[in-house]
Amino acid sequence: MKTFTAIVERDSDTKLYVGYVPGFPGAHSQAETLDELQENLREVIEMLLEDENLAFDTEFVGTQQIVIQ
């Protein structure tokens, strides 16, 4: 079992949830609900993992909050 971290945003124009997996080329999707987005991303990741030539260019480290005063 592998675990991937997705970044999720909500588009204010379309009201769709948009998600992507940092450092994983092509691992992105959108959906009307968070549950649907999670399933879409799972399917995309499974499909991409079938590629024997898959190479990760970066490694997800985490997120940071930046304070501007």
N, C-alpha and C. Protein backbone atom coordinates (compact mmCIF):
# COMPACT_ATOMS: atom_id res chain seq x y z
N MET A 1 0.85 -1.17 0.00
CA MET A 1 0.00 0.00 0.00
C MET A 1 0.90 1.24 0.00
N LYS A 2 0.55 2.21 -0.82
CA LYS A 2 1.27 3.47 -0.89
C LYS A 2 0.30 4.60 -0.56
N THR A 3 0.80 5.62 0.07
CA THR A 3 -0.01 6.79 0.41
C THR A 3 0.56 8.00 -0.31
N PHE A 4 -0.30 8.78 -0.93
CA PHE A 4 0.09 9.99 -1.62
C PHE A 4 -0.68 11.16 -1.01
N THR A 5 -0.06 12.32 -1.00
CA THR A 5 -0.69 13.53 -0.48
C THR A 5 -1.15 14.38 -1.65
N ALA A 6 -2.42 14.77 -1.62
CA ALA A 6 -2.98 15.62 -2.66
C ALA A 6 -3.23 17.02 -2.10
N ILE A 7 -2.98 18.00 -2.92
CA ILE A 7 -3.33 19.39 -2.60
C ILE A 7 -4.69 19.64 -3.23
N VAL A 8 -5.62 20.18 -2.45
CA VAL A 8 -6.99 20.39 -2.93
C VAL A 8 -7.35 21.86 -2.78
N GLU A 9 -7.90 22.41 -3.84
CA GLU A 9 -8.39 23.79 -3.85
C GLU A 9 -9.80 23.79 -4.42
N ARG A 10 -10.51 24.88 -4.20
CA ARG A 10 -11.85 25.01 -4.79
C ARG A 10 -11.85 26.21 -5.71
N ASP A 11 -12.23 25.98 -6.95
CA ASP A 11 -12.27 27.05 -7.95
C ASP A 11 -13.50 27.91 -7.69
N SER A 12 -13.30 29.20 -7.48
CA SER A 12 -14.41 30.09 -7.13
C SER A 12 -15.35 30.34 -8.32
N ASP A 13 -14.85 30.19 -9.54
CA ASP A 13 -15.70 30.39 -10.71
C ASP A 13 -16.57 29.18 -11.00
N THR A 14 -15.97 28.00 -11.02
CA THR A 14 -16.71 26.79 -11.40
C THR A 14 -17.31 26.05 -10.20
N LYS A 15 -16.82 26.41 -8.98
CA LYS A 15 -17.23 25.73 -7.73
C LYS A 15 -16.77 24.28 -7.69
N LEU A 16 -15.83 23.90 -8.56
CA LEU A 16 -15.30 22.54 -8.58
C LEU A 16 -14.09 22.44 -7.65
N TYR A 17 -13.93 21.25 -7.06
CA TYR A 17 -12.72 20.96 -6.31
C TYR A 17 -11.66 20.51 -7.30
N VAL A 18 -10.46 21.02 -7.13
CA VAL A 18 -9.35 20.70 -8.01
C VAL A 18 -8.23 20.13 -7.14
N GLY A 19 -7.70 18.97 -7.52
CA GLY A 19 -6.65 18.36 -6.72
C GLY A 19 -5.50 17.89 -7.58
N TYR A 20 -4.31 17.90 -6.98
CA TYR A 20 -3.13 17.38 -7.66
C TYR A 20 -2.17 16.81 -6.63
N VAL A 21 -1.32 15.92 -7.08
CA VAL A 21 -0.31 15.32 -6.21
C VAL A 21 1.04 15.94 -6.58
N PRO A 22 1.64 16.71 -5.67
CA PRO A 22 2.92 17.36 -5.96
C PRO A 22 4.00 16.35 -6.33
N GLY A 23 4.77 16.68 -7.36
CA GLY A 23 5.87 15.83 -7.78
C GLY A 23 5.47 14.61 -8.57
N PHE A 24 4.18 14.49 -8.89
CA PHE A 24 3.68 13.32 -9.61
C PHE A 24 3.07 13.82 -10.91
N PRO A 25 3.87 13.87 -11.99
CA PRO A 25 3.40 14.41 -13.26
C PRO A 25 2.11 13.74 -13.75
N GLY A 26 1.11 14.52 -14.04
CA GLY A 26 -0.15 14.01 -14.56
C GLY A 26 -1.17 13.63 -13.52
N ALA A 27 -0.81 13.68 -12.24
CA ALA A 27 -1.75 13.28 -11.19
C ALA A 27 -2.56 14.49 -10.74
N HIS A 28 -3.61 14.77 -11.51
CA HIS A 28 -4.50 15.88 -11.17
C HIS A 28 -5.90 15.56 -11.67
N SER A 29 -6.90 16.18 -11.03
CA SER A 29 -8.28 15.95 -11.42
C SER A 29 -9.15 17.04 -10.82
N GLN A 30 -10.43 16.99 -11.15
CA GLN A 30 -11.41 17.91 -10.57
C GLN A 30 -12.73 17.19 -10.40
N ALA A 31 -13.59 17.73 -9.51
CA ALA A 31 -14.87 17.08 -9.25
C ALA A 31 -15.79 18.04 -8.50
N GLU A 32 -17.07 17.66 -8.44
CA GLU A 32 -18.05 18.49 -7.74
C GLU A 32 -18.03 18.26 -6.24
N THR A 33 -17.58 17.09 -5.77
CA THR A 33 -17.52 16.80 -4.34
C THR A 33 -16.12 16.30 -3.98
N LEU A 34 -15.80 16.39 -2.68
CA LEU A 34 -14.50 15.90 -2.23
C LEU A 34 -14.39 14.39 -2.38
N ASP A 35 -15.48 13.68 -2.13
CA ASP A 35 -15.47 12.22 -2.30
C ASP A 35 -15.20 11.84 -3.75
N GLU A 36 -15.85 12.53 -4.66
CA GLU A 36 -15.65 12.27 -6.09
C GLU A 36 -14.21 12.61 -6.49
N LEU A 37 -13.68 13.71 -5.96
CA LEU A 37 -12.31 14.09 -6.28
C LEU A 37 -11.33 13.03 -5.78
N GLN A 38 -11.54 12.51 -4.57
CA GLN A 38 -10.66 11.48 -4.05
C GLN A 38 -10.68 10.23 -4.93
N GLU A 39 -11.86 9.83 -5.36
CA GLU A 39 -11.96 8.66 -6.23
C GLU A 39 -11.29 8.92 -7.58
N ASN A 40 -11.49 10.11 -8.14
CA ASN A 40 -10.86 10.47 -9.41
C ASN A 40 -9.34 10.43 -9.29
N LEU A 41 -8.81 11.01 -8.20
CA LEU A 41 -7.37 11.02 -8.01
C LEU A 41 -6.83 9.61 -7.81
N ARG A 42 -7.56 8.77 -7.09
CA ARG A 42 -7.14 7.38 -6.89
C ARG A 42 -7.02 6.67 -8.24
N GLU A 43 -8.02 6.86 -9.09
CA GLU A 43 -7.99 6.22 -10.41
C GLU A 43 -6.82 6.72 -11.25
N VAL A 44 -6.56 8.02 -11.22
CA VAL A 44 -5.46 8.60 -11.99
C VAL A 44 -4.13 8.05 -11.49
N ILE A 45 -3.95 8.01 -10.17
CA ILE A 45 -2.70 7.51 -9.60
C ILE A 45 -2.50 6.04 -9.96
N GLU A 46 -3.54 5.23 -9.83
CA GLU A 46 -3.42 3.82 -10.17
C GLU A 46 -3.02 3.64 -11.63
N MET A 47 -3.61 4.44 -12.51
CA MET A 47 -3.28 4.35 -13.93
C MET A 47 -1.82 4.76 -14.16
N LEU A 48 -1.40 5.85 -13.54
CA LEU A 48 -0.03 6.32 -13.72
C LEU A 48 1.00 5.34 -13.16
N LEU A 49 0.66 4.66 -12.07
CA LEU A 49 1.59 3.70 -11.47
C LEU A 49 1.80 2.47 -12.35
N GLU A 50 0.92 2.23 -13.30
CA GLU A 50 1.08 1.11 -14.23
C GLU A 50 2.22 1.36 -15.22
N ASP A 51 2.63 2.62 -15.37
CA ASP A 51 3.71 2.98 -16.28
C ASP A 51 5.05 2.57 -15.67
N GLU A 52 5.73 1.63 -16.28
CA GLU A 52 7.01 1.15 -15.75
C GLU A 52 8.11 2.19 -15.82
N ASN A 53 7.96 3.21 -16.65
CA ASN A 53 8.97 4.25 -16.81
C ASN A 53 8.70 5.47 -15.93
N LEU A 54 7.78 5.34 -15.00
CA LEU A 54 7.41 6.46 -14.14
C LEU A 54 8.60 6.89 -13.28
N ALA A 55 8.87 8.18 -13.28
CA ALA A 55 9.96 8.72 -12.46
C ALA A 55 9.46 9.95 -11.71
N PHE A 56 9.69 9.98 -10.42
CA PHE A 56 9.32 11.14 -9.62
C PHE A 56 10.47 12.14 -9.66
N ASP A 57 10.15 13.37 -10.05
CA ASP A 57 11.18 14.40 -10.15
C ASP A 57 11.42 15.11 -8.81
N THR A 58 10.42 15.13 -7.97
CA THR A 58 10.54 15.80 -6.68
C THR A 58 9.90 14.93 -5.60
N GLU A 59 10.13 15.31 -4.36
CA GLU A 59 9.55 14.60 -3.23
C GLU A 59 8.74 15.60 -2.42
N PHE A 60 7.48 15.27 -2.13
CA PHE A 60 6.64 16.15 -1.32
C PHE A 60 7.20 16.19 0.09
N VAL A 61 7.44 17.40 0.60
CA VAL A 61 7.99 17.58 1.93
C VAL A 61 6.92 18.01 2.92
N GLY A 62 6.07 18.93 2.52
CA GLY A 62 5.03 19.42 3.43
C GLY A 62 4.52 20.77 2.97
N THR A 63 3.76 21.38 3.83
CA THR A 63 3.24 22.72 3.55
C THR A 63 3.74 23.68 4.63
N GLN A 64 3.73 24.94 4.33
CA GLN A 64 4.11 25.97 5.28
C GLN A 64 3.11 27.10 5.23
N GLN A 65 2.89 27.71 6.36
CA GLN A 65 2.06 28.91 6.40
C GLN A 65 3.00 30.11 6.39
N ILE A 66 2.70 31.06 5.54
CA ILE A 66 3.51 32.26 5.41
C ILE A 66 2.69 33.44 5.93
N VAL A 67 3.22 34.17 6.90
CA VAL A 67 2.52 35.30 7.50
C VAL A 67 3.07 36.59 6.91
N ILE A 68 2.18 37.42 6.41
CA ILE A 68 2.54 38.72 5.86
C ILE A 68 1.89 39.79 6.74
N GLN A 69 2.68 40.74 7.19
CA GLN A 69 2.12 41.80 8.04
C GLN A 69 2.10 43.11 7.32
